[in-house]
Every structure is written in C-alpha cells, then in structure tokens.
Amino acid sequence: MRELIAARLWLTVHQLPPYATEFNAVEGVWSHLKRSLANLIKHSLDQLTALVKMGLKRMQYRPRLTEGLVAKTGLDLQPP
C-alpha cells in the first residue's frame, strides 16, 4: 500500500485509528435514525424496514441535518 501511495504524488493519505466513530458521519446518521425509531412498535421486519427507509428519506431532504452530522466529525472535506 505504501508503494502505491508513494507512486501517486497527487494522493494525500491520512492514517485514521482502526475504529473512530467520531470521524464517521454515518454513525451520526444511524444514531439520529435510531432515536426516531425508539418508541415505535414494529410488528414485522417489513414494517421496520419501511420505517427505516422512510426515516432515511426524510433525512435526505434535510441538508442542514446531514451537513451538521458531517461538521460534527471536524474533518475538512475540501480538496487542498
């Protein structure tokens, strides 16, 4: 891997810890989604699947929420 990285001068690689939830915006998405499902009664796996899809769809149309989850990571996602 080091050889491949070294051969590409345009590539910048940052080593992250093996499991760093604070750098993973997806963890924030799932956390937010689980809170919205916490007190609902699910009668079947199909019903749970539909509720999860609906929750993710709602989040998709709330750009400030998703931007906030990414900002919470503290990572700069702008190209250098």
PDB file of N, CA and C in Angstrom:
ATOM      1  N   MET A   1       0.832  -1.175   0.000  1.00  0.00           N
ATOM      2  CA  MET A   1       0.000   0.000   0.000  1.00  0.00           C
ATOM      3  C   MET A   1       0.884   1.248   0.000  1.00  0.00           C
ATOM      4  N   ARG A   2       1.946   1.203   0.798  1.00  0.00           N
ATOM      5  CA  ARG A   2       2.849   2.367   0.841  1.00  0.00           C
ATOM      6  C   ARG A   2       3.468   2.653  -0.520  1.00  0.00           C
ATOM      7  N   GLU A   3       3.809   1.600  -1.255  1.00  0.00           N
ATOM      8  CA  GLU A   3       4.375   1.782  -2.595  1.00  0.00           C
ATOM      9  C   GLU A   3       3.357   2.431  -3.535  1.00  0.00           C
ATOM     10  N   LEU A   4       2.113   1.989  -3.453  1.00  0.00           N
ATOM     11  CA  LEU A   4       1.073   2.568  -4.301  1.00  0.00           C
ATOM     12  C   LEU A   4       0.856   4.038  -3.966  1.00  0.00           C
ATOM     13  N   ILE A   5       0.850   4.354  -2.701  1.00  0.00           N
ATOM     14  CA  ILE A   5       0.666   5.749  -2.278  1.00  0.00           C
ATOM     15  C   ILE A   5       1.844   6.598  -2.729  1.00  0.00           C
ATOM     16  N   ALA A   6       3.052   6.084  -2.533  1.00  0.00           N
ATOM     17  CA  ALA A   6       4.259   6.832  -2.908  1.00  0.00           C
ATOM     18  C   ALA A   6       4.329   7.076  -4.415  1.00  0.00           C
ATOM     19  N   ALA A   7       3.773   6.178  -5.210  1.00  0.00           N
ATOM     20  CA  ALA A   7       3.815   6.315  -6.671  1.00  0.00           C
ATOM     21  C   ALA A   7       2.839   7.372  -7.184  1.00  0.00           C
ATOM     22  N   ARG A   8       1.959   7.839  -6.340  1.00  0.00           N
ATOM     23  CA  ARG A   8       0.948   8.826  -6.756  1.00  0.00           C
ATOM     24  C   ARG A   8       1.155  10.118  -5.968  1.00  0.00           C
ATOM     25  N   LEU A   9       1.909  11.010  -6.549  1.00  0.00           N
ATOM     26  CA  LEU A   9       2.253  12.253  -5.856  1.00  0.00           C
ATOM     27  C   LEU A   9       1.031  13.121  -5.570  1.00  0.00           C
ATOM     28  N   TRP A  10      -0.030  12.966  -6.343  1.00  0.00           N
ATOM     29  CA  TRP A  10      -1.241  13.762  -6.165  1.00  0.00           C
ATOM     30  C   TRP A  10      -2.091  13.271  -4.999  1.00  0.00           C
ATOM     31  N   LEU A  11      -1.786  12.073  -4.491  1.00  0.00           N
ATOM     32  CA  LEU A  11      -2.614  11.448  -3.460  1.00  0.00           C
ATOM     33  C   LEU A  11      -2.118  11.805  -2.062  1.00  0.00           C
ATOM     34  N   THR A  12      -3.041  12.277  -1.222  1.00  0.00           N
ATOM     35  CA  THR A  12      -2.733  12.549   0.177  1.00  0.00           C
ATOM     36  C   THR A  12      -3.485  11.544   1.035  1.00  0.00           C
ATOM     37  N   VAL A  13      -2.780  10.846   1.893  1.00  0.00           N
ATOM     38  CA  VAL A  13      -3.389   9.823   2.737  1.00  0.00           C
ATOM     39  C   VAL A  13      -3.149  10.178   4.191  1.00  0.00           C
ATOM     40  N   HIS A  14      -4.213  10.084   4.981  1.00  0.00           N
ATOM     41  CA  HIS A  14      -4.123  10.322   6.421  1.00  0.00           C
ATOM     42  C   HIS A  14      -4.488   9.033   7.135  1.00  0.00           C
ATOM     43  N   GLN A  15      -3.639   8.587   8.014  1.00  0.00           N
ATOM     44  CA  GLN A  15      -3.897   7.370   8.783  1.00  0.00           C
ATOM     45  C   GLN A  15      -4.891   7.686   9.902  1.00  0.00           C
ATOM     46  N   LEU A  16      -6.002   6.975   9.931  1.00  0.00           N
ATOM     47  CA  LEU A  16      -7.003   7.130  10.982  1.00  0.00           C
ATOM     48  C   LEU A  16      -6.945   5.923  11.911  1.00  0.00           C
ATOM     49  N   PRO A  17      -7.428   6.084  13.120  1.00  0.00           N
ATOM     50  CA  PRO A  17      -7.491   4.919  14.019  1.00  0.00           C
ATOM     51  C   PRO A  17      -8.376   3.839  13.401  1.00  0.00           C
ATOM     52  N   PRO A  18      -8.188   2.577  13.794  1.00  0.00           N
ATOM     53  CA  PRO A  18      -8.957   1.491  13.194  1.00  0.00           C
ATOM     54  C   PRO A  18     -10.467   1.671  13.323  1.00  0.00           C
ATOM     55  N   TYR A  19     -10.921   2.184  14.429  1.00  0.00           N
ATOM     56  CA  TYR A  19     -12.350   2.412  14.608  1.00  0.00           C
ATOM     57  C   TYR A  19     -12.516   3.731  15.330  1.00  0.00           C
ATOM     58  N   ALA A  20     -12.924   4.730  14.594  1.00  0.00           N
ATOM     59  CA  ALA A  20     -13.054   6.069  15.160  1.00  0.00           C
ATOM     60  C   ALA A  20     -14.434   6.604  14.836  1.00  0.00           C
ATOM     61  N   THR A  21     -15.396   6.328  15.702  1.00  0.00           N
ATOM     62  CA  THR A  21     -16.769   6.751  15.434  1.00  0.00           C
ATOM     63  C   THR A  21     -16.891   8.258  15.310  1.00  0.00           C
ATOM     64  N   GLU A  22     -16.022   8.996  16.003  1.00  0.00           N
ATOM     65  CA  GLU A  22     -16.118  10.460  15.952  1.00  0.00           C
ATOM     66  C   GLU A  22     -15.768  11.017  14.573  1.00  0.00           C
ATOM     67  N   PHE A  23     -15.094  10.226  13.725  1.00  0.00           N
ATOM     68  CA  PHE A  23     -14.752  10.658  12.375  1.00  0.00           C
ATOM     69  C   PHE A  23     -15.699  10.092  11.326  1.00  0.00           C
ATOM     70  N   ASN A  24     -16.713   9.368  11.742  1.00  0.00           N
ATOM     71  CA  ASN A  24     -17.604   8.690  10.811  1.00  0.00           C
ATOM     72  C   ASN A  24     -18.991   9.320  10.874  1.00  0.00           C
ATOM     73  N   ALA A  25     -19.329  10.109   9.872  1.00  0.00           N
ATOM     74  CA  ALA A  25     -20.630  10.797   9.853  1.00  0.00           C
ATOM     75  C   ALA A  25     -21.787   9.811   9.789  1.00  0.00           C
ATOM     76  N   VAL A  26     -21.559   8.625   9.245  1.00  0.00           N
ATOM     77  CA  VAL A  26     -22.616   7.620   9.154  1.00  0.00           C
ATOM     78  C   VAL A  26     -23.073   7.191  10.546  1.00  0.00           C
ATOM     79  N   GLU A  27     -22.164   7.175  11.507  1.00  0.00           N
ATOM     80  CA  GLU A  27     -22.548   6.850  12.887  1.00  0.00           C
ATOM     81  C   GLU A  27     -23.581   7.851  13.401  1.00  0.00           C
ATOM     82  N   GLY A  28     -23.412   9.119  13.056  1.00  0.00           N
ATOM     83  CA  GLY A  28     -24.370  10.136  13.454  1.00  0.00           C
ATOM     84  C   GLY A  28     -25.720   9.940  12.785  1.00  0.00           C
ATOM     85  N   VAL A  29     -25.698   9.511  11.532  1.00  0.00           N
ATOM     86  CA  VAL A  29     -26.947   9.245  10.808  1.00  0.00           C
ATOM     87  C   VAL A  29     -27.717   8.127  11.509  1.00  0.00           C
ATOM     88  N   TRP A  30     -27.030   7.024  11.814  1.00  0.00           N
ATOM     89  CA  TRP A  30     -27.709   5.896  12.460  1.00  0.00           C
ATOM     90  C   TRP A  30     -28.174   6.266  13.860  1.00  0.00           C
ATOM     91  N   SER A  31     -27.386   7.017  14.573  1.00  0.00           N
ATOM     92  CA  SER A  31     -27.785   7.449  15.912  1.00  0.00           C
ATOM     93  C   SER A  31     -29.060   8.290  15.853  1.00  0.00           C
ATOM     94  N   HIS A  32     -29.088   9.226  14.922  1.00  0.00           N
ATOM     95  CA  HIS A  32     -30.273  10.078  14.751  1.00  0.00           C
ATOM     96  C   HIS A  32     -31.486   9.226  14.361  1.00  0.00           C
ATOM     97  N   LEU A  33     -31.290   8.300  13.452  1.00  0.00           N
ATOM     98  CA  LEU A  33     -32.384   7.448  12.991  1.00  0.00           C
ATOM     99  C   LEU A  33     -32.901   6.556  14.118  1.00  0.00           C
ATOM    100  N   LYS A  34     -31.994   5.977  14.900  1.00  0.00           N
ATOM    101  CA  LYS A  34     -32.423   5.106  15.999  1.00  0.00           C
ATOM    102  C   LYS A  34     -33.231   5.870  17.038  1.00  0.00           C
ATOM    103  N   ARG A  35     -32.869   7.121  17.292  1.00  0.00           N
ATOM    104  CA  ARG A  35     -33.650   7.915  18.249  1.00  0.00           C
ATOM    105  C   ARG A  35     -35.075   8.124  17.736  1.00  0.00           C
ATOM    106  N   SER A  36     -35.233   8.276  16.430  1.00  0.00           N
ATOM    107  CA  SER A  36     -36.578   8.499  15.891  1.00  0.00           C
ATOM    108  C   SER A  36     -37.412   7.217  15.914  1.00  0.00           C
ATOM    109  N   LEU A  37     -36.772   6.060  15.985  1.00  0.00           N
ATOM    110  CA  LEU A  37     -37.481   4.783  15.992  1.00  0.00           C
ATOM    111  C   LEU A  37     -37.652   4.207  17.397  1.00  0.00           C
ATOM    112  N   ALA A  38     -37.103   4.854  18.398  1.00  0.00           N
ATOM    113  CA  ALA A  38     -37.004   4.283  19.735  1.00  0.00           C
ATOM    114  C   ALA A  38     -38.335   3.862  20.337  1.00  0.00           C
ATOM    115  N   ASN A  39     -39.362   4.655  20.233  1.00  0.00           N
ATOM    116  CA  ASN A  39     -40.609   4.355  20.917  1.00  0.00           C
ATOM    117  C   ASN A  39     -41.710   3.843  20.001  1.00  0.00           C
ATOM    118  N   LEU A  40     -41.344   3.387  18.816  1.00  0.00           N
ATOM    119  CA  LEU A  40     -42.336   2.853  17.890  1.00  0.00           C
ATOM    120  C   LEU A  40     -42.434   1.344  18.053  1.00  0.00           C
ATOM    121  N   ILE A  41     -43.616   0.806  17.860  1.00  0.00           N
ATOM    122  CA  ILE A  41     -43.820  -0.637  17.917  1.00  0.00           C
ATOM    123  C   ILE A  41     -43.753  -1.177  16.495  1.00  0.00           C
ATOM    124  N   LYS A  42     -42.893  -2.153  16.302  1.00  0.00           N
ATOM    125  CA  LYS A  42     -42.743  -2.778  14.994  1.00  0.00           C
ATOM    126  C   LYS A  42     -43.326  -4.180  15.089  1.00  0.00           C
ATOM    127  N   HIS A  43     -44.230  -4.508  14.189  1.00  0.00           N
ATOM    128  CA  HIS A  43     -44.867  -5.817  14.220  1.00  0.00           C
ATOM    129  C   HIS A  43     -44.181  -6.826  13.314  1.00  0.00           C
ATOM    130  N   SER A  44     -43.383  -6.337  12.386  1.00  0.00           N
ATOM    131  CA  SER A  44     -42.709  -7.255  11.468  1.00  0.00           C
ATOM    132  C   SER A  44     -41.429  -6.601  10.954  1.00  0.00           C
ATOM    133  N   LEU A  45     -40.587  -7.431  10.377  1.00  0.00           N
ATOM    134  CA  LEU A  45     -39.347  -6.924   9.780  1.00  0.00           C
ATOM    135  C   LEU A  45     -39.654  -6.004   8.601  1.00  0.00           C
ATOM    136  N   ASP A  46     -40.697  -6.326   7.841  1.00  0.00           N
ATOM    137  CA  ASP A  46     -41.097  -5.470   6.713  1.00  0.00           C
ATOM    138  C   ASP A  46     -41.503  -4.079   7.193  1.00  0.00           C
ATOM    139  N   GLN A  47     -42.227  -4.028   8.299  1.00  0.00           N
ATOM    140  CA  GLN A  47     -42.646  -2.733   8.850  1.00  0.00           C
ATOM    141  C   GLN A  47     -41.436  -1.942   9.330  1.00  0.00           C
ATOM    142  N   LEU A  48     -40.496  -2.604   9.992  1.00  0.00           N
ATOM    143  CA  LEU A  48     -39.282  -1.934  10.444  1.00  0.00           C
ATOM    144  C   LEU A  48     -38.478  -1.416   9.250  1.00  0.00           C
ATOM    145  N   THR A  49     -38.367  -2.233   8.212  1.00  0.00           N
ATOM    146  CA  THR A  49     -37.644  -1.831   7.002  1.00  0.00           C
ATOM    147  C   THR A  49     -38.273  -0.581   6.391  1.00  0.00           C
ATOM    148  N   ALA A  50     -39.594  -0.568   6.316  1.00  0.00           N
ATOM    149  CA  ALA A  50     -40.298   0.590   5.748  1.00  0.00           C
ATOM    150  C   ALA A  50     -40.058   1.841   6.597  1.00  0.00           C
ATOM    151  N   LEU A  51     -40.065   1.691   7.924  1.00  0.00           N
ATOM    152  CA  LEU A  51     -39.831   2.838   8.805  1.00  0.00           C
ATOM    153  C   LEU A  51     -38.407   3.376   8.667  1.00  0.00           C
ATOM    154  N   VAL A  52     -37.443   2.474   8.535  1.00  0.00           N
ATOM    155  CA  VAL A  52     -36.042   2.900   8.365  1.00  0.00           C
ATOM    156  C   VAL A  52     -35.884   3.629   7.037  1.00  0.00           C
ATOM    157  N   LYS A  53     -36.442   3.083   5.967  1.00  0.00           N
ATOM    158  CA  LYS A  53     -36.352   3.737   4.657  1.00  0.00           C
ATOM    159  C   LYS A  53     -37.007   5.123   4.691  1.00  0.00           C
ATOM    160  N   MET A  54     -38.161   5.214   5.350  1.00  0.00           N
ATOM    161  CA  MET A  54     -38.853   6.493   5.436  1.00  0.00           C
ATOM    162  C   MET A  54     -38.018   7.500   6.246  1.00  0.00           C
ATOM    163  N   GLY A  55     -37.412   7.030   7.330  1.00  0.00           N
ATOM    164  CA  GLY A  55     -36.573   7.920   8.134  1.00  0.00           C
ATOM    165  C   GLY A  55     -35.359   8.419   7.369  1.00  0.00           C
ATOM    166  N   LEU A  56     -34.720   7.530   6.621  1.00  0.00           N
ATOM    167  CA  LEU A  56     -33.565   7.938   5.816  1.00  0.00           C
ATOM    168  C   LEU A  56     -33.980   8.899   4.706  1.00  0.00           C
ATOM    169  N   LYS A  57     -35.141   8.664   4.117  1.00  0.00           N
ATOM    170  CA  LYS A  57     -35.642   9.550   3.063  1.00  0.00           C
ATOM    171  C   LYS A  57     -35.895  10.950   3.628  1.00  0.00           C
ATOM    172  N   ARG A  58     -36.471  11.020   4.839  1.00  0.00           N
ATOM    173  CA  ARG A  58     -36.695  12.324   5.475  1.00  0.00           C
ATOM    174  C   ARG A  58     -35.377  13.048   5.723  1.00  0.00           C
ATOM    175  N   MET A  59     -34.373  12.305   6.165  1.00  0.00           N
ATOM    176  CA  MET A  59     -33.064  12.924   6.414  1.00  0.00           C
ATOM    177  C   MET A  59     -32.452  13.441   5.119  1.00  0.00           C
ATOM    178  N   GLN A  60     -32.712  12.737   4.022  1.00  0.00           N
ATOM    179  CA  GLN A  60     -32.165  13.137   2.726  1.00  0.00           C
ATOM    180  C   GLN A  60     -32.629  14.538   2.340  1.00  0.00           C
ATOM    181  N   TYR A  61     -33.828  14.907   2.735  1.00  0.00           N
ATOM    182  CA  TYR A  61     -34.382  16.210   2.374  1.00  0.00           C
ATOM    183  C   TYR A  61     -34.143  17.261   3.451  1.00  0.00           C
ATOM    184  N   ARG A  62     -33.246  16.972   4.390  1.00  0.00           N
ATOM    185  CA  ARG A  62     -32.868  17.938   5.413  1.00  0.00           C
ATOM    186  C   ARG A  62     -31.357  18.176   5.332  1.00  0.00           C
ATOM    187  N   PRO A  63     -30.914  18.939   4.329  1.00  0.00           N
ATOM    188  CA  PRO A  63     -29.475  19.103   4.116  1.00  0.00           C
ATOM    189  C   PRO A  63     -28.746  19.698   5.313  1.00  0.00           C
ATOM    190  N   ARG A  64     -29.404  20.549   6.072  1.00  0.00           N
ATOM    191  CA  ARG A  64     -28.725  21.141   7.232  1.00  0.00           C
ATOM    192  C   ARG A  64     -28.414  20.071   8.276  1.00  0.00           C
ATOM    193  N   LEU A  65     -29.287  19.083   8.399  1.00  0.00           N
ATOM    194  CA  LEU A  65     -29.042  17.982   9.332  1.00  0.00           C
ATOM    195  C   LEU A  65     -27.826  17.181   8.894  1.00  0.00           C
ATOM    196  N   THR A  66     -27.797  16.782   7.629  1.00  0.00           N
ATOM    197  CA  THR A  66     -26.671  15.981   7.155  1.00  0.00           C
ATOM    198  C   THR A  66     -25.375  16.792   7.158  1.00  0.00           C
ATOM    199  N   GLU A  67     -25.448  18.075   6.832  1.00  0.00           N
ATOM    200  CA  GLU A  67     -24.249  18.926   6.909  1.00  0.00           C
ATOM    201  C   GLU A  67     -23.756  19.015   8.350  1.00  0.00           C
ATOM    202  N   GLY A  68     -24.683  19.099   9.285  1.00  0.00           N
ATOM    203  CA  GLY A  68     -24.316  19.152  10.698  1.00  0.00           C
ATOM    204  C   GLY A  68     -23.649  17.870  11.166  1.00  0.00           C
ATOM    205  N   LEU A  69     -24.134  16.730  10.681  1.00  0.00           N
ATOM    206  CA  LEU A  69     -23.527  15.446  11.056  1.00  0.00           C
ATOM    207  C   LEU A  69     -22.108  15.337  10.512  1.00  0.00           C
ATOM    208  N   VAL A  70     -21.900  15.844   9.307  1.00  0.00           N
ATOM    209  CA  VAL A  70     -20.550  15.838   8.739  1.00  0.00           C
ATOM    210  C   VAL A  70     -19.666  16.833   9.493  1.00  0.00           C
ATOM    211  N   ALA A  71     -20.203  18.017   9.794  1.00  0.00           N
ATOM    212  CA  ALA A  71     -19.423  19.035  10.509  1.00  0.00           C
ATOM    213  C   ALA A  71     -19.021  18.554  11.897  1.00  0.00           C
ATOM    214  N   LYS A  72     -19.874  17.752  12.513  1.00  0.00           N
ATOM    215  CA  LYS A  72     -19.583  17.234  13.860  1.00  0.00           C
ATOM    216  C   LYS A  72     -18.312  16.390  13.881  1.00  0.00           C
ATOM    217  N   THR A  73     -17.961  15.783  12.757  1.00  0.00           N
ATOM    218  CA  THR A  73     -16.749  14.978  12.703  1.00  0.00           C
ATOM    219  C   THR A  73     -15.491  15.832  12.817  1.00  0.00           C
ATOM    220  N   GLY A  74     -15.607  17.125  12.433  1.00  0.00           N
ATOM    221  CA  GLY A  74     -14.447  18.011  12.488  1.00  0.00           C
ATOM    222  C   GLY A  74     -13.478  17.822  11.337  1.00  0.00           C
ATOM    223  N   LEU A  75     -13.837  16.981  10.388  1.00  0.00           N
ATOM    224  CA  LEU A  75     -12.958  16.734   9.245  1.00  0.00           C
ATOM    225  C   LEU A  75     -13.160  17.804   8.184  1.00  0.00           C
ATOM    226  N   ASP A  76     -12.067  18.193   7.536  1.00  0.00           N
ATOM    227  CA  ASP A  76     -12.134  19.153   6.430  1.00  0.00           C
ATOM    228  C   ASP A  76     -12.239  18.355   5.143  1.00  0.00           C
ATOM    229  N   LEU A  77     -13.386  18.404   4.500  1.00  0.00           N
ATOM    230  CA  LEU A  77     -13.606  17.598   3.302  1.00  0.00           C
ATOM    231  C   LEU A  77     -13.340  18.365   2.012  1.00  0.00           C
ATOM    232  N   GLN A  78     -12.816  19.577   2.132  1.00  0.00           N
ATOM    233  CA  GLN A  78     -12.496  20.377   0.960  1.00  0.00           C
ATOM    234  C   GLN A  78     -11.154  19.912   0.379  1.00  0.00           C
ATOM    235  N   PRO A  79     -11.064  19.840  -0.949  1.00  0.00           N
ATOM    236  CA  PRO A  79      -9.784  19.447  -1.543  1.00  0.00           C
ATOM    237  C   PRO A  79      -8.712  20.499  -1.263  1.00  0.00           C
ATOM    238  N   PRO A  80      -7.472  20.057  -1.109  1.00  0.00           N
ATOM    239  CA  PRO A  80      -6.382  21.003  -0.788  1.00  0.00           C
ATOM    240  C   PRO A  80      -6.076  21.951  -1.928  1.00  0.00           C
TER     241      PRO A  80
END
